[in-house]
Amino acid sequence: MSDRLSVFKTYKLYVGGKFPRSESGRVYEVTDAKGNWLANAPLSSRKDARDAVVAARKAFGGWAGATAYNRGQILYRVAEMLEGRKAQFVREVAEAEGLSKSKAADQVDATIDRWVWYAGWTDKIAQVIGGANPVAGPYFNLSSPEPTGVVTVLAPQESSFLGLVSVVAPVIATGNTAIVIASEKSPLPALSLGEVLATSDVPGGVVNILSGRTAEIAPPLASHQDVNAIDLAGADDVLAKELEIAAADNLKRVLRPQPVDNWTEPPGIDRLTAFLETKTVWHPTGSLGASGSAY
């Protein structure tokens, strides 16, 4: 009979490609659906939130400047890494959401497929929502989408993994960088996702993951002058209203909570377009003569 002691996992934040403990040193207990203790998760502070903004801003230029095809390759690599760690995520999702192993496996499979789906859209969304516009005059008029910038994402509270990926993947697929506030009661799959991102090709700072009290971390991010947009997916009605008012101070783009009965339904492209800006460029075609245009 073995007298070996198990090595308990220490969950940490994921900020700037590194795994810091909360600046405050605080933790809180995470329990399963039956109330049994699972782990201690970092209880993020306002300072952690500010550090995440700095990391996201620093990473934005390189990530937005990468080719869409390259971003798609990197996102696909994340899906490969998730596939290799499927057993871990099945266990964590089952414990977090009180699901059977088979149902949790279905959720994880759907999550990996969702990530691949968004990876495939990286170099296609511009063709769908951009293009040449008809104008009267000797000009080319071209509209193309560009990322909004640094986006705060409040992950869904109930869907700890599939819902999380469904709101994070479209943000980074389109060239934005993200600060993610994990589900307050079920943060472990999100924190483990940080480990996957760190061992894939996603540059540090593109995704930053915080755990803790959503109502404590979200307000300073909503009012932060260097955050360009916020997704309120994981906020209740009261918190969502408070954050929307705070976000108005620097005219953040706000995506209000959208009721989702089933995260496995096809997501469409709404979340891809939610955090894109449209740049329109005019360019002269040259002189117009009797024989037609000269370029």
Foldseek 3Di string as FASTA:
>chain_A
DDPDDDDADDFAWAAQLDGDAAPVNDWDFAFFPVRHTDYTYGAHAQVLLVRLLVLQQVCQVVLQPDALLVLLVLLLQLLVLLVVVLVVQLVLQCRHQVHDSVVSSVLSVLQSVLSNVLSVCSNPVQVVPWAWDDDPDQKTKTKGKGFQEEEEEEFAQNRQRLSRSNQLNLNSSRRYAYEYEGRANRPVVVSVSSVSSSPTPNGGSSYTYDYHDCLRHQLSQLQDLSHAAYEPQHPDPVSQVNSVVSNPVNDHQYHGHDDDPDSSPDDPCCSNPSGIDMDMDMDGQCDADPVGTDD
